[in-house]
Amino acid sequence: MTFATLSGQRILVTGSSDGIGRAIALECAKAGADIIVNCRQSIGKAESVAEEIRKLGRAVEVVSADVSRESDRQHLLLESFRTGRVDAIVNNAGADLLTTELRGAEFSVKLNQLIQTDLLGTIDLSRAFGHRFREQQQGAILNIGWDQSDRGMEGDSGELFATAKNAIMGFSRSLAVSLAPLVRVNCIAPGWIRTAWGATASEYWQDRVISETPLRRWGEPQDIANMARYLLSNEASYITGQVINVNGGAVR
C-alpha cells in the first residue's frame, strides 16, 4: 500500500489534544491536511499539538468545545466552517471513565456521561457535518467504536463501553447508507491501545492484554492514526459503512 495522501483536505479531529486524537491529527497533517484541533478544557495541550502541526507546514486552528453539550456542538460546527471548507470529521472525543474523577462514580453517572459525550456527540456531529458534506457533494466521516463491544467483556466497564460503542458502530453503518454516494462514513474499532490508562495499568492487565492479543503487544495511538489516515484518503474511496478492527488480531 502506498502512503495515503490527504493533500488539500481540511479535517476536524475532536478530542485531539491528547492520546488517539492527537496521533490522528498529527498523522493527517503529515499526510498533507490542514487540521482543526478540538479540546474540551485542555487548551495548553491543544495549542501544543497545533504548534507541532504548524512545524509540519500545515494550517491549524484550535476550537474549544465540549461535544457533550448541544450548544458547544453547534459552536464547533459553525467555527469549523467559518474560515473555510471542511472535508472530513473524526469523532474521537470520548468520556474518560478510567483516569479522571469519573473513575469512582456510580454506574448511572458513568453511563450518562458516555451517552452524552461518545454517543450523542458522535451522532449529532455526524449528522450535522454530513448535511454540510452532502451540500458540498463530498466529505468523509470517521467514528470510533470498540472491538469488544460486539462480543462482550465482563464488568462495569465492559457493559458501559459496549452500550455506547455498539450504538456508534450501528449508527455509522446506517448513516453511511443515508449519505451515500456523496459522503463516506466508516468506524474504527480499537483494541487494547496504550493510552493514559494502559500506561499505568496493573500487572494483571498488562499480562491479560498480551495474552488476548495474537500480535503480543499493546496497540499504540499511532496504529489507529495510520488507519484513520487511510480511511480518510481517496485510496479508500470505495470503502463506506465499515467497522474496521485495529486490535492486533484479537477475536475472543
C-alpha atoms as a PDB file:
ATOM      1  CA  MET A   1       0.000   0.000   0.000  1.00  0.00           C
ATOM      2  CA  THR A   2       1.343   3.417  -0.931  1.00  0.00           C
ATOM      3  CA  PHE A   3       1.294   6.289   1.517  1.00  0.00           C
ATOM      4  CA  ALA A   4      -2.238   7.704   1.501  1.00  0.00           C
ATOM      5  CA  THR A   5      -2.087  11.448   0.940  1.00  0.00           C
ATOM      6  CA  LEU A   6      -4.577  13.929   2.367  1.00  0.00           C
ATOM      7  CA  SER A   7      -3.187  16.885   0.469  1.00  0.00           C
ATOM      8  CA  GLY A   8      -5.740  19.673   0.075  1.00  0.00           C
ATOM      9  CA  GLN A   9      -8.065  18.385   2.797  1.00  0.00           C
ATOM     10  CA  ARG A  10      -9.162  20.249   5.910  1.00  0.00           C
ATOM     11  CA  ILE A  11     -10.049  17.880   8.739  1.00  0.00           C
ATOM     12  CA  LEU A  12     -11.643  18.326  12.171  1.00  0.00           C
ATOM     13  CA  VAL A  13     -10.475  15.868  14.837  1.00  0.00           C
ATOM     14  CA  THR A  14     -12.494  16.062  18.052  1.00  0.00           C
ATOM     15  CA  GLY A  15     -10.725  15.315  21.307  1.00  0.00           C
ATOM     16  CA  SER A  16      -7.357  15.830  19.670  1.00  0.00           C
ATOM     17  CA  SER A  17      -5.355  17.414  22.488  1.00  0.00           C
ATOM     18  CA  ASP A  18      -4.003  14.036  23.636  1.00  0.00           C
ATOM     19  CA  GLY A  19      -3.959  10.276  23.072  1.00  0.00           C
ATOM     20  CA  ILE A  20      -5.506   8.780  19.956  1.00  0.00           C
ATOM     21  CA  GLY A  21      -6.953  12.102  18.788  1.00  0.00           C
ATOM     22  CA  ARG A  22      -3.565  13.786  18.963  1.00  0.00           C
ATOM     23  CA  ALA A  23      -1.987  10.958  16.961  1.00  0.00           C
ATOM     24  CA  ILE A  24      -4.712  11.183  14.299  1.00  0.00           C
ATOM     25  CA  ALA A  25      -4.392  14.963  13.992  1.00  0.00           C
ATOM     26  CA  LEU A  26      -0.619  14.778  13.577  1.00  0.00           C
ATOM     27  CA  GLU A  27      -0.759  11.869  11.124  1.00  0.00           C
ATOM     28  CA  CYS A  28      -3.317  13.686   8.971  1.00  0.00           C
ATOM     29  CA  ALA A  29      -1.118  16.780   8.999  1.00  0.00           C
ATOM     30  CA  LYS A  30       1.907  14.719   7.962  1.00  0.00           C
ATOM     31  CA  ALA A  31      -0.199  13.421   5.062  1.00  0.00           C
ATOM     32  CA  GLY A  32      -0.851  16.990   3.894  1.00  0.00           C
ATOM     33  CA  ALA A  33      -4.109  18.014   5.585  1.00  0.00           C
ATOM     34  CA  ASP A  34      -4.886  21.232   7.411  1.00  0.00           C
ATOM     35  CA  ILE A  35      -6.308  20.480  10.840  1.00  0.00           C
ATOM     36  CA  ILE A  36      -8.929  21.782  13.247  1.00  0.00           C
ATOM     37  CA  VAL A  37      -7.842  20.685  16.722  1.00  0.00           C
ATOM     38  CA  ASN A  38     -10.627  20.357  19.268  1.00  0.00           C
ATOM     39  CA  CYS A  39     -10.459  20.091  23.040  1.00  0.00           C
ATOM     40  CA  ARG A  40     -12.854  20.464  25.950  1.00  0.00           C
ATOM     41  CA  GLN A  41     -10.631  22.131  28.552  1.00  0.00           C
ATOM     42  CA  SER A  42      -7.011  21.226  27.783  1.00  0.00           C
ATOM     43  CA  ILE A  43      -6.179  24.397  25.842  1.00  0.00           C
ATOM     44  CA  GLY A  44      -2.478  24.140  26.660  1.00  0.00           C
ATOM     45  CA  LYS A  45      -2.221  20.611  25.278  1.00  0.00           C
ATOM     46  CA  ALA A  46      -4.291  21.556  22.237  1.00  0.00           C
ATOM     47  CA  GLU A  47      -2.039  24.517  21.475  1.00  0.00           C
ATOM     48  CA  SER A  48       0.988  22.219  21.803  1.00  0.00           C
ATOM     49  CA  VAL A  49      -0.500  19.887  19.182  1.00  0.00           C
ATOM     50  CA  ALA A  50      -1.261  22.897  16.992  1.00  0.00           C
ATOM     51  CA  GLU A  51       2.351  24.046  17.217  1.00  0.00           C
ATOM     52  CA  GLU A  52       3.564  20.613  16.101  1.00  0.00           C
ATOM     53  CA  ILE A  53       1.197  20.814  13.137  1.00  0.00           C
ATOM     54  CA  ARG A  54       2.487  24.272  12.182  1.00  0.00           C
ATOM     55  CA  LYS A  55       6.042  22.890  12.198  1.00  0.00           C
ATOM     56  CA  LEU A  56       4.856  20.370   9.611  1.00  0.00           C
ATOM     57  CA  GLY A  57       3.900  23.296   7.384  1.00  0.00           C
ATOM     58  CA  ARG A  58       0.153  22.852   7.712  1.00  0.00           C
ATOM     59  CA  ALA A  59      -2.533  25.364   8.692  1.00  0.00           C
ATOM     60  CA  VAL A  60      -4.228  24.690  12.019  1.00  0.00           C
ATOM     61  CA  GLU A  61      -6.928  26.120  14.255  1.00  0.00           C
ATOM     62  CA  VAL A  62      -7.898  25.270  17.836  1.00  0.00           C
ATOM     63  CA  VAL A  63     -11.577  25.240  18.777  1.00  0.00           C
ATOM     64  CA  SER A  64     -12.566  24.617  22.394  1.00  0.00           C
ATOM     65  CA  ALA A  65     -15.929  22.849  22.644  1.00  0.00           C
ATOM     66  CA  ASP A  66     -17.447  20.188  24.895  1.00  0.00           C
ATOM     67  CA  VAL A  67     -19.079  17.740  22.491  1.00  0.00           C
ATOM     68  CA  SER A  68     -21.412  16.501  25.240  1.00  0.00           C
ATOM     69  CA  ARG A  69     -23.230  19.865  25.083  1.00  0.00           C
ATOM     70  CA  GLU A  70     -25.596  20.652  22.226  1.00  0.00           C
ATOM     71  CA  SER A  71     -24.685  24.354  22.236  1.00  0.00           C
ATOM     72  CA  ASP A  72     -20.971  23.533  22.064  1.00  0.00           C
ATOM     73  CA  ARG A  73     -21.546  21.136  19.182  1.00  0.00           C
ATOM     74  CA  GLN A  74     -23.296  23.904  17.264  1.00  0.00           C
ATOM     75  CA  HIS A  75     -20.393  26.245  18.077  1.00  0.00           C
ATOM     76  CA  LEU A  76     -17.906  23.669  16.806  1.00  0.00           C
ATOM     77  CA  LEU A  77     -19.841  23.261  13.554  1.00  0.00           C
ATOM     78  CA  LEU A  78     -20.069  27.000  12.917  1.00  0.00           C
ATOM     79  CA  GLU A  79     -16.439  27.683  13.817  1.00  0.00           C
ATOM     80  CA  SER A  80     -15.191  24.837  11.649  1.00  0.00           C
ATOM     81  CA  PHE A  81     -16.915  26.156   8.520  1.00  0.00           C
ATOM     82  CA  ARG A  82     -16.484  29.842   9.362  1.00  0.00           C
ATOM     83  CA  THR A  83     -12.970  30.019   7.946  1.00  0.00           C
ATOM     84  CA  GLY A  84     -13.314  27.602   5.056  1.00  0.00           C
ATOM     85  CA  ARG A  85     -14.386  24.289   3.647  1.00  0.00           C
ATOM     86  CA  VAL A  86     -14.216  21.161   5.828  1.00  0.00           C
ATOM     87  CA  ASP A  87     -13.576  17.838   4.087  1.00  0.00           C
ATOM     88  CA  ALA A  88     -13.789  15.368   6.957  1.00  0.00           C
ATOM     89  CA  ILE A  89     -14.568  14.941  10.641  1.00  0.00           C
ATOM     90  CA  VAL A  90     -13.090  12.379  13.006  1.00  0.00           C
ATOM     91  CA  ASN A  91     -15.398  11.908  16.008  1.00  0.00           C
ATOM     92  CA  ASN A  92     -12.770  10.831  18.517  1.00  0.00           C
ATOM     93  CA  ALA A  93     -13.818  12.736  21.659  1.00  0.00           C
ATOM     94  CA  GLY A  94     -14.976  10.446  24.444  1.00  0.00           C
ATOM     95  CA  ALA A  95     -15.610  10.354  28.167  1.00  0.00           C
ATOM     96  CA  ASP A  96     -12.622   9.181  30.218  1.00  0.00           C
ATOM     97  CA  LEU A  97     -14.073   6.884  32.856  1.00  0.00           C
ATOM     98  CA  LEU A  98     -10.768   5.291  33.844  1.00  0.00           C
ATOM     99  CA  THR A  99      -8.293   8.045  34.765  1.00  0.00           C
ATOM    100  CA  THR A 100     -10.448  11.020  35.827  1.00  0.00           C
ATOM    101  CA  GLU A 101     -12.769  11.775  38.749  1.00  0.00           C
ATOM    102  CA  LEU A 102     -15.409   9.675  36.967  1.00  0.00           C
ATOM    103  CA  ARG A 103     -13.451   6.561  37.899  1.00  0.00           C
ATOM    104  CA  GLY A 104     -15.242   6.335  41.251  1.00  0.00           C
ATOM    105  CA  ALA A 105     -18.656   7.488  40.054  1.00  0.00           C
ATOM    106  CA  GLU A 106     -21.834   5.422  40.136  1.00  0.00           C
ATOM    107  CA  PHE A 107     -22.675   3.258  37.116  1.00  0.00           C
ATOM    108  CA  SER A 108     -25.578   5.514  36.115  1.00  0.00           C
ATOM    109  CA  VAL A 109     -23.393   8.631  36.207  1.00  0.00           C
ATOM    110  CA  LYS A 110     -20.759   6.989  34.021  1.00  0.00           C
ATOM    111  CA  LEU A 111     -23.384   5.730  31.596  1.00  0.00           C
ATOM    112  CA  ASN A 112     -24.937   9.181  31.266  1.00  0.00           C
ATOM    113  CA  GLN A 113     -21.543  10.733  30.540  1.00  0.00           C
ATOM    114  CA  LEU A 114     -20.780   8.117  27.882  1.00  0.00           C
ATOM    115  CA  ILE A 115     -24.175   8.616  26.259  1.00  0.00           C
ATOM    116  CA  GLN A 116     -23.855  12.404  26.228  1.00  0.00           C
ATOM    117  CA  THR A 117     -20.226  12.555  25.046  1.00  0.00           C
ATOM    118  CA  ASP A 118     -19.461   9.476  22.980  1.00  0.00           C
ATOM    119  CA  LEU A 119     -22.879   8.601  21.588  1.00  0.00           C
ATOM    120  CA  LEU A 120     -24.886  11.821  21.269  1.00  0.00           C
ATOM    121  CA  GLY A 121     -21.746  13.803  20.462  1.00  0.00           C
ATOM    122  CA  THR A 122     -20.926  11.424  17.619  1.00  0.00           C
ATOM    123  CA  ILE A 123     -24.491  11.198  16.321  1.00  0.00           C
ATOM    124  CA  ASP A 124     -25.204  14.930  16.397  1.00  0.00           C
ATOM    125  CA  LEU A 125     -21.894  15.985  14.850  1.00  0.00           C
ATOM    126  CA  SER A 126     -22.010  13.231  12.227  1.00  0.00           C
ATOM    127  CA  ARG A 127     -25.481  14.270  11.107  1.00  0.00           C
ATOM    128  CA  ALA A 128     -24.696  17.994  11.138  1.00  0.00           C
ATOM    129  CA  PHE A 129     -21.405  17.664   9.278  1.00  0.00           C
ATOM    130  CA  GLY A 130     -22.919  15.026   6.994  1.00  0.00           C
ATOM    131  CA  HIS A 131     -25.582  17.504   5.915  1.00  0.00           C
ATOM    132  CA  ARG A 132     -22.911  20.082   5.089  1.00  0.00           C
ATOM    133  CA  PHE A 133     -20.806  17.493   3.273  1.00  0.00           C
ATOM    134  CA  ARG A 134     -23.772  16.420   1.180  1.00  0.00           C
ATOM    135  CA  GLU A 135     -24.408  20.053   0.218  1.00  0.00           C
ATOM    136  CA  GLN A 136     -20.808  20.382  -0.949  1.00  0.00           C
ATOM    137  CA  GLN A 137     -21.113  16.940  -2.614  1.00  0.00           C
ATOM    138  CA  GLN A 138     -18.050  15.488  -0.929  1.00  0.00           C
ATOM    139  CA  GLY A 139     -16.865  14.528   2.529  1.00  0.00           C
ATOM    140  CA  ALA A 140     -15.904  11.763   4.940  1.00  0.00           C
ATOM    141  CA  ILE A 141     -16.927  10.903   8.487  1.00  0.00           C
ATOM    142  CA  LEU A 142     -14.865   8.636  10.724  1.00  0.00           C
ATOM    143  CA  ASN A 143     -16.181   7.438  14.074  1.00  0.00           C
ATOM    144  CA  ILE A 144     -14.593   5.455  16.899  1.00  0.00           C
ATOM    145  CA  GLY A 145     -16.088   2.233  18.247  1.00  0.00           C
ATOM    146  CA  TRP A 146     -14.591  -0.549  20.383  1.00  0.00           C
ATOM    147  CA  ASP A 147     -13.569  -4.001  19.240  1.00  0.00           C
ATOM    148  CA  GLN A 148     -15.005  -5.839  22.256  1.00  0.00           C
ATOM    149  CA  SER A 149     -18.395  -4.141  22.231  1.00  0.00           C
ATOM    150  CA  ASP A 150     -19.982  -6.675  19.878  1.00  0.00           C
ATOM    151  CA  ARG A 151     -18.531  -9.773  21.536  1.00  0.00           C
ATOM    152  CA  GLY A 152     -18.670  -8.852  25.217  1.00  0.00           C
ATOM    153  CA  MET A 153     -16.385  -8.107  28.160  1.00  0.00           C
ATOM    154  CA  GLU A 154     -17.145  -8.689  31.823  1.00  0.00           C
ATOM    155  CA  GLY A 155     -17.534  -5.945  34.421  1.00  0.00           C
ATOM    156  CA  ASP A 156     -18.942  -2.446  34.641  1.00  0.00           C
ATOM    157  CA  SER A 157     -16.508  -1.007  32.104  1.00  0.00           C
ATOM    158  CA  GLY A 158     -17.331  -3.684  29.574  1.00  0.00           C
ATOM    159  CA  GLU A 159     -21.059  -3.107  29.970  1.00  0.00           C
ATOM    160  CA  LEU A 160     -20.684   0.675  29.819  1.00  0.00           C
ATOM    161  CA  PHE A 161     -18.428   0.954  26.801  1.00  0.00           C
ATOM    162  CA  ALA A 162     -20.250  -1.795  24.904  1.00  0.00           C
ATOM    163  CA  THR A 163     -23.530   0.092  25.273  1.00  0.00           C
ATOM    164  CA  ALA A 164     -22.199   3.334  23.798  1.00  0.00           C
ATOM    165  CA  LYS A 165     -19.742   1.975  21.265  1.00  0.00           C
ATOM    166  CA  ASN A 166     -22.057  -0.680  19.836  1.00  0.00           C
ATOM    167  CA  ALA A 167     -24.588   2.072  19.226  1.00  0.00           C
ATOM    168  CA  ILE A 168     -21.948   4.176  17.467  1.00  0.00           C
ATOM    169  CA  MET A 169     -20.941   1.263  15.262  1.00  0.00           C
ATOM    170  CA  GLY A 170     -24.526   0.524  14.237  1.00  0.00           C
ATOM    171  CA  PHE A 171     -25.266   4.203  13.683  1.00  0.00           C
ATOM    172  CA  SER A 172     -22.191   4.551  11.466  1.00  0.00           C
ATOM    173  CA  ARG A 173     -23.309   1.703   9.217  1.00  0.00           C
ATOM    174  CA  SER A 174     -26.774   3.211   8.790  1.00  0.00           C
ATOM    175  CA  LEU A 175     -25.549   6.775   8.294  1.00  0.00           C
ATOM    176  CA  ALA A 176     -23.261   5.523   5.538  1.00  0.00           C
ATOM    177  CA  VAL A 177     -26.320   4.279   3.637  1.00  0.00           C
ATOM    178  CA  SER A 178     -28.200   7.533   4.268  1.00  0.00           C
ATOM    179  CA  LEU A 179     -25.368   9.735   2.966  1.00  0.00           C
ATOM    180  CA  ALA A 180     -24.181   7.582   0.052  1.00  0.00           C
ATOM    181  CA  PRO A 181     -22.945   8.085  -2.588  1.00  0.00           C
ATOM    182  CA  LEU A 182     -21.651  11.588  -1.840  1.00  0.00           C
ATOM    183  CA  VAL A 183     -20.343  11.101   1.713  1.00  0.00           C
ATOM    184  CA  ARG A 184     -18.426   8.146   3.127  1.00  0.00           C
ATOM    185  CA  VAL A 185     -18.873   7.017   6.744  1.00  0.00           C
ATOM    186  CA  ASN A 186     -16.648   4.468   8.467  1.00  0.00           C
ATOM    187  CA  CYS A 187     -15.768   3.448  12.009  1.00  0.00           C
ATOM    188  CA  ILE A 188     -12.537   2.229  13.598  1.00  0.00           C
ATOM    189  CA  ALA A 189     -12.893  -0.240  16.486  1.00  0.00           C
ATOM    190  CA  PRO A 190      -9.659  -0.073  18.514  1.00  0.00           C
ATOM    191  CA  GLY A 191      -8.492  -2.946  20.659  1.00  0.00           C
ATOM    192  CA  TRP A 192      -6.125  -2.598  23.607  1.00  0.00           C
ATOM    193  CA  ILE A 193      -4.451   0.754  22.915  1.00  0.00           C
ATOM    194  CA  ARG A 194      -1.792   2.106  25.266  1.00  0.00           C
ATOM    195  CA  THR A 195      -3.288   5.472  26.179  1.00  0.00           C
ATOM    196  CA  ALA A 196      -3.188   7.073  29.654  1.00  0.00           C
ATOM    197  CA  TRP A 197      -4.870   4.131  31.392  1.00  0.00           C
ATOM    198  CA  GLY A 198      -2.810   1.489  29.604  1.00  0.00           C
ATOM    199  CA  ALA A 199       0.460   3.176  30.539  1.00  0.00           C
ATOM    200  CA  THR A 200      -0.261   2.701  34.262  1.00  0.00           C
ATOM    201  CA  ALA A 201      -2.420  -0.443  34.214  1.00  0.00           C
ATOM    202  CA  SER A 202      -1.693  -3.168  36.754  1.00  0.00           C
ATOM    203  CA  GLU A 203       0.411  -6.242  36.047  1.00  0.00           C
ATOM    204  CA  TYR A 204      -2.811  -8.257  35.702  1.00  0.00           C
ATOM    205  CA  TRP A 205      -3.996  -6.063  32.841  1.00  0.00           C
ATOM    206  CA  GLN A 206      -0.580  -5.912  31.218  1.00  0.00           C
ATOM    207  CA  ASP A 207      -0.475  -9.720  31.137  1.00  0.00           C
ATOM    208  CA  ARG A 208      -4.099 -10.004  30.017  1.00  0.00           C
ATOM    209  CA  VAL A 209      -3.600  -7.647  27.097  1.00  0.00           C
ATOM    210  CA  ILE A 210      -0.635  -9.633  25.820  1.00  0.00           C
ATOM    211  CA  SER A 211      -2.377 -12.989  26.266  1.00  0.00           C
ATOM    212  CA  GLU A 212      -5.529 -11.809  24.429  1.00  0.00           C
ATOM    213  CA  THR A 213      -3.670 -10.211  21.532  1.00  0.00           C
ATOM    214  CA  PRO A 214      -2.211 -12.509  18.861  1.00  0.00           C
ATOM    215  CA  LEU A 215       0.427  -9.907  17.914  1.00  0.00           C
ATOM    216  CA  ARG A 216       1.535  -9.998  21.580  1.00  0.00           C
ATOM    217  CA  ARG A 217       1.730  -6.265  22.204  1.00  0.00           C
ATOM    218  CA  TRP A 218      -0.346  -3.270  23.134  1.00  0.00           C
ATOM    219  CA  GLY A 219      -1.581  -1.172  20.256  1.00  0.00           C
ATOM    220  CA  GLU A 220      -0.303   2.385  20.089  1.00  0.00           C
ATOM    221  CA  PRO A 221      -2.263   5.542  19.194  1.00  0.00           C
ATOM    222  CA  GLN A 222      -0.203   5.631  16.000  1.00  0.00           C
ATOM    223  CA  ASP A 223      -1.743   2.314  14.921  1.00  0.00           C
ATOM    224  CA  ILE A 224      -5.179   3.943  14.973  1.00  0.00           C
ATOM    225  CA  ALA A 225      -3.856   7.089  13.308  1.00  0.00           C
ATOM    226  CA  ASN A 226      -2.439   5.086  10.400  1.00  0.00           C
ATOM    227  CA  MET A 227      -5.820   3.502   9.713  1.00  0.00           C
ATOM    228  CA  ALA A 228      -7.590   6.855  10.072  1.00  0.00           C
ATOM    229  CA  ARG A 229      -5.295   8.453   7.508  1.00  0.00           C
ATOM    230  CA  TYR A 230      -6.011   5.678   5.023  1.00  0.00           C
ATOM    231  CA  LEU A 231      -9.786   5.702   5.516  1.00  0.00           C
ATOM    232  CA  LEU A 232      -9.918   9.480   5.029  1.00  0.00           C
ATOM    233  CA  SER A 233      -7.898   9.337   1.824  1.00  0.00           C
ATOM    234  CA  ASN A 234      -9.007   8.852  -1.767  1.00  0.00           C
ATOM    235  CA  GLU A 235      -7.355   5.431  -1.695  1.00  0.00           C
ATOM    236  CA  ALA A 236     -10.331   4.327   0.424  1.00  0.00           C
ATOM    237  CA  SER A 237     -12.892   5.850  -1.949  1.00  0.00           C
ATOM    238  CA  TYR A 238     -14.742   2.514  -2.309  1.00  0.00           C
ATOM    239  CA  ILE A 239     -14.962   1.884   1.440  1.00  0.00           C
ATOM    240  CA  THR A 240     -18.010   3.051   3.381  1.00  0.00           C
ATOM    241  CA  GLY A 241     -20.290   1.663   6.078  1.00  0.00           C
ATOM    242  CA  GLN A 242     -17.482  -0.443   7.545  1.00  0.00           C
ATOM    243  CA  VAL A 243     -16.392  -1.067  11.125  1.00  0.00           C
ATOM    244  CA  ILE A 244     -12.712  -1.982  10.997  1.00  0.00           C
ATOM    245  CA  ASN A 245     -10.965  -3.592  13.962  1.00  0.00           C
ATOM    246  CA  VAL A 246      -7.468  -2.369  14.742  1.00  0.00           C
ATOM    247  CA  ASN A 247      -6.693  -4.753  17.566  1.00  0.00           C
ATOM    248  CA  GLY A 248      -3.707  -6.953  16.854  1.00  0.00           C
ATOM    249  CA  GLY A 249      -5.889  -9.858  15.716  1.00  0.00           C
ATOM    250  CA  ALA A 250      -7.910 -10.345  18.911  1.00  0.00           C
ATOM    251  CA  VAL A 251     -11.088 -12.329  18.311  1.00  0.00           C
ATOM    252  CA  ARG A 252     -12.224 -13.517  21.766  1.00  0.00           C
END
